[in-house]
Each structure stands twice: as structure tokens, then as C-alpha cells.
C-alpha atoms as a PDB file:
ATOM      1  CA  MET A   1      20.867  56.302 -64.953  1.00  0.00           C
ATOM      2  CA  MET A   2      17.839  55.119 -62.984  1.00  0.00           C
ATOM      3  CA  ARG A   3      16.420  53.382 -66.086  1.00  0.00           C
ATOM      4  CA  LEU A   4      19.719  51.559 -66.491  1.00  0.00           C
ATOM      5  CA  PHE A   5      19.676  50.592 -62.848  1.00  0.00           C
ATOM      6  CA  ALA A   6      16.056  49.424 -63.052  1.00  0.00           C
ATOM      7  CA  LEU A   7      16.783  47.310 -66.105  1.00  0.00           C
ATOM      8  CA  ALA A   8      19.884  45.786 -64.534  1.00  0.00           C
ATOM      9  CA  LEU A   9      17.909  44.945 -61.411  1.00  0.00           C
ATOM     10  CA  THR A  10      15.073  43.433 -63.441  1.00  0.00           C
ATOM     11  CA  MET A  11      17.500  41.294 -65.404  1.00  0.00           C
ATOM     12  CA  LEU A  12      19.156  40.156 -62.191  1.00  0.00           C
ATOM     13  CA  LEU A  13      15.829  39.177 -60.669  1.00  0.00           C
ATOM     14  CA  VAL A  14      14.641  37.379 -63.799  1.00  0.00           C
ATOM     15  CA  ALA A  15      17.949  35.573 -64.200  1.00  0.00           C
ATOM     16  CA  GLY A  16      17.841  34.518 -60.566  1.00  0.00           C
ATOM     17  CA  GLN A  17      14.330  33.173 -60.961  1.00  0.00           C
ATOM     18  CA  LEU A  18      15.190  31.320 -64.153  1.00  0.00           C
ATOM     19  CA  TRP A  19      18.376  29.933 -62.667  1.00  0.00           C
ATOM     20  CA  SER A  20      16.646  28.681 -59.539  1.00  0.00           C
ATOM     21  CA  GLN A  21      13.846  27.023 -61.542  1.00  0.00           C
ATOM     22  CA  ALA A  22      15.718  25.734 -64.570  1.00  0.00           C
ATOM     23  CA  PRO A  23      16.651  22.060 -64.816  1.00  0.00           C
ATOM     24  CA  ALA A  24      20.364  21.324 -64.784  1.00  0.00           C
ATOM     25  CA  SER A  25      20.339  20.429 -68.508  1.00  0.00           C
ATOM     26  CA  THR A  26      19.135  23.893 -69.614  1.00  0.00           C
ATOM     27  CA  SER A  27      21.913  25.837 -71.300  1.00  0.00           C
ATOM     28  CA  ILE A  28      22.400  29.574 -71.496  1.00  0.00           C
ATOM     29  CA  PRO A  29      22.297  31.037 -75.031  1.00  0.00           C
ATOM     30  CA  PRO A  30      25.598  31.771 -76.778  1.00  0.00           C
ATOM     31  CA  ASP A  31      27.107  35.242 -76.482  1.00  0.00           C
ATOM     32  CA  SER A  32      25.982  36.172 -80.016  1.00  0.00           C
ATOM     33  CA  GLU A  33      22.337  35.488 -79.109  1.00  0.00           C
ATOM     34  CA  ILE A  34      22.653  37.410 -75.838  1.00  0.00           C
ATOM     35  CA  LEU A  35      24.133  40.345 -77.771  1.00  0.00           C
ATOM     36  CA  ASN A  36      21.179  40.300 -80.186  1.00  0.00           C
ATOM     37  CA  ILE A  37      18.773  40.397 -77.222  1.00  0.00           C
ATOM     38  CA  LEU A  38      20.672  43.350 -75.707  1.00  0.00           C
ATOM     39  CA  LYS A  39      20.616  45.224 -79.016  1.00  0.00           C
ATOM     40  CA  GLN A  40      16.856  44.699 -79.250  1.00  0.00           C
ATOM     41  CA  ARG A  41      16.286  45.943 -75.679  1.00  0.00           C
ATOM     42  CA  VAL A  42      18.475  49.047 -76.171  1.00  0.00           C
ATOM     43  CA  ASP A  43      17.813  50.019 -79.804  1.00  0.00           C
ATOM     44  CA  ASP A  44      14.253  48.837 -80.434  1.00  0.00           C
ATOM     45  CA  TYR A  45      12.531  48.871 -77.041  1.00  0.00           C
ATOM     46  CA  LYS A  46      14.571  51.784 -75.598  1.00  0.00           C
ATOM     47  CA  TRP A  47      14.635  50.070 -72.180  1.00  0.00           C
ATOM     48  CA  SER A  48      18.045  51.481 -71.387  1.00  0.00           C
ATOM     49  CA  LEU A  49      21.081  53.200 -72.871  1.00  0.00           C
ATOM     50  CA  GLY A  50      23.269  50.185 -72.151  1.00  0.00           C
ATOM     51  CA  ILE A  51      23.181  46.720 -70.613  1.00  0.00           C
ATOM     52  CA  VAL A  52      25.910  44.372 -69.381  1.00  0.00           C
ATOM     53  CA  VAL A  53      25.281  40.648 -68.832  1.00  0.00           C
ATOM     54  CA  GLY A  54      27.682  38.303 -67.062  1.00  0.00           C
ATOM     55  CA  VAL A  55      27.496  34.575 -67.781  1.00  0.00           C
ATOM     56  CA  ILE A  56      28.990  32.026 -65.429  1.00  0.00           C
ATOM     57  CA  GLU A  57      28.439  28.337 -65.997  1.00  0.00           C
ATOM     58  CA  PRO A  58      30.683  25.275 -65.941  1.00  0.00           C
ATOM     59  CA  GLY A  59      33.378  25.737 -68.562  1.00  0.00           C
ATOM     60  CA  ARG A  60      32.286  29.229 -69.545  1.00  0.00           C
ATOM     61  CA  ARG A  61      32.655  32.736 -68.194  1.00  0.00           C
ATOM     62  CA  SER A  62      31.870  35.699 -70.393  1.00  0.00           C
ATOM     63  CA  VAL A  63      30.681  39.284 -70.337  1.00  0.00           C
ATOM     64  CA  VAL A  64      28.380  40.610 -73.055  1.00  0.00           C
ATOM     65  CA  ALA A  65      27.787  44.367 -73.224  1.00  0.00           C
ATOM     66  CA  TYR A  66      25.948  46.700 -75.532  1.00  0.00           C
ATOM     67  CA  GLY A  67      25.161  50.401 -75.471  1.00  0.00           C
ATOM     68  CA  GLN A  68      26.629  53.552 -74.014  1.00  0.00           C
ATOM     69  CA  ARG A  69      27.203  54.993 -70.539  1.00  0.00           C
ATOM     70  CA  SER A  70      24.779  57.923 -70.681  1.00  0.00           C
ATOM     71  CA  LYS A  71      23.085  60.318 -73.106  1.00  0.00           C
ATOM     72  CA  GLY A  72      26.033  62.701 -73.098  1.00  0.00           C
ATOM     73  CA  ASP A  73      28.701  60.004 -72.922  1.00  0.00           C
ATOM     74  CA  SER A  74      28.834  57.730 -75.954  1.00  0.00           C
ATOM     75  CA  ARG A  75      31.736  55.639 -74.667  1.00  0.00           C
ATOM     76  CA  PRO A  76      30.793  51.961 -74.899  1.00  0.00           C
ATOM     77  CA  ILE A  77      30.171  49.976 -71.729  1.00  0.00           C
ATOM     78  CA  ASP A  78      31.955  46.774 -70.782  1.00  0.00           C
ATOM     79  CA  GLY A  79      32.400  44.403 -67.869  1.00  0.00           C
ATOM     80  CA  ASN A  80      34.367  47.042 -65.941  1.00  0.00           C
ATOM     81  CA  THR A  81      31.739  49.782 -66.222  1.00  0.00           C
ATOM     82  CA  VAL A  82      30.609  50.997 -62.804  1.00  0.00           C
ATOM     83  CA  PHE A  83      26.852  51.318 -62.358  1.00  0.00           C
ATOM     84  CA  GLU A  84      25.005  53.102 -59.588  1.00  0.00           C
ATOM     85  CA  ILE A  85      23.445  50.468 -57.363  1.00  0.00           C
ATOM     86  CA  GLY A  86      21.182  52.724 -55.299  1.00  0.00           C
ATOM     87  CA  SER A  87      19.364  51.360 -52.300  1.00  0.00           C
ATOM     88  CA  ILE A  88      18.613  47.806 -53.339  1.00  0.00           C
ATOM     89  CA  THR A  89      20.334  45.738 -50.682  1.00  0.00           C
ATOM     90  CA  LYS A  90      16.852  44.823 -49.426  1.00  0.00           C
ATOM     91  CA  VAL A  91      16.148  43.163 -52.765  1.00  0.00           C
ATOM     92  CA  PHE A  92      19.381  41.158 -52.725  1.00  0.00           C
ATOM     93  CA  THR A  93      18.768  40.107 -49.125  1.00  0.00           C
ATOM     94  CA  SER A  94      15.192  38.996 -49.846  1.00  0.00           C
ATOM     95  CA  ILE A  95      16.315  36.999 -52.903  1.00  0.00           C
ATOM     96  CA  LEU A  96      18.955  35.287 -50.800  1.00  0.00           C
ATOM     97  CA  LEU A  97      16.468  34.479 -48.048  1.00  0.00           C
ATOM     98  CA  ALA A  98      13.936  33.151 -50.568  1.00  0.00           C
ATOM     99  CA  ARG A  99      16.570  30.878 -52.100  1.00  0.00           C
ATOM    100  CA  LEU A 100      17.625  29.608 -48.676  1.00  0.00           C
ATOM    101  CA  LYS A 101      13.998  28.943 -47.764  1.00  0.00           C
ATOM    102  CA  GLY A 102      13.495  27.072 -51.050  1.00  0.00           C
ATOM    103  CA  ARG A 103      16.506  24.870 -50.387  1.00  0.00           C
ATOM    104  CA  ALA A 104      15.317  24.165 -46.859  1.00  0.00           C
ATOM    105  CA  LEU A 105      11.856  23.227 -48.179  1.00  0.00           C
ATOM    106  CA  ARG A 106      13.298  20.882 -50.795  1.00  0.00           C
ATOM    107  CA  ALA A 107      15.527  19.255 -48.190  1.00  0.00           C
ATOM    108  CA  GLY A 108      12.579  18.828 -45.798  1.00  0.00           C
ATOM    109  CA  ARG A 109      14.156  21.058 -43.149  1.00  0.00           C
ATOM    110  CA  SER A 110      11.400  23.657 -43.168  1.00  0.00           C
ATOM    111  CA  LYS A 111       7.635  24.010 -43.496  1.00  0.00           C
ATOM    112  CA  ARG A 112       5.807  26.219 -45.982  1.00  0.00           C
ATOM    113  CA  THR A 113       4.453  28.407 -43.177  1.00  0.00           C
ATOM    114  CA  GLY A 114       5.997  29.724 -40.021  1.00  0.00           C
ATOM    115  CA  PRO A 115       9.512  30.927 -39.324  1.00  0.00           C
ATOM    116  CA  THR A 116      12.416  29.602 -41.332  1.00  0.00           C
END
């Protein structure tokens, strides 16, 4: 379960970084390509037993899932599968603060050093 949590967190962080740095014209891969990536991560690399990815962009909302819930539970996962979140609110809070700081810097409302 912790490996699944760690992978989900890593994907969230990477997606957040890519989203915040990507130009507006960059598109997210189609669901079939995302599914192939998930299969590779689960079956070939053994990063996790299962991964769920949510995609939200203008004109598109989808959930792509692959894998199983746990070693003893082969039921497939989907967008309604509940995952243990653990103690990661610090990570979410720091990501939010970093994004706010970045927006303030781009808007000229903040300096690179000192308090925000």
C-alpha cells in the first residue's frame, strides 16, 4: 500500500511540475497512451500494483486506471478506488505555496528572496 501511495504522490508532484511549466499549447496524451504508460509502470517496472490517473483539461475529463487493489485482492481499480493518503498534507501545502509564490513572482508582486 505504501508503494502505491508513494507512486501516486510522485505522479502528482511530477504532473504538478509539468502542468505549471508547460506552455498552454501542450496537450496531454490520449487515454490509450496513458494506459500504455500505466501498464509499463505496473507490469514491467513493478512500481506499484495499480495506478489511477485523472485528466482534466478544457473539453476533456477522464480517468485511466490499471492494476489491482493489493496482492491479495485482484479486483481492478478505478476512479472510485479509495487510497490511503497518509501524512502528506505538508507536501500539498508546500506545492500550493510554491505555486502561489511563482504566480506572485511572475506578476511582479514578490521578490525572489524574503517573505512572500
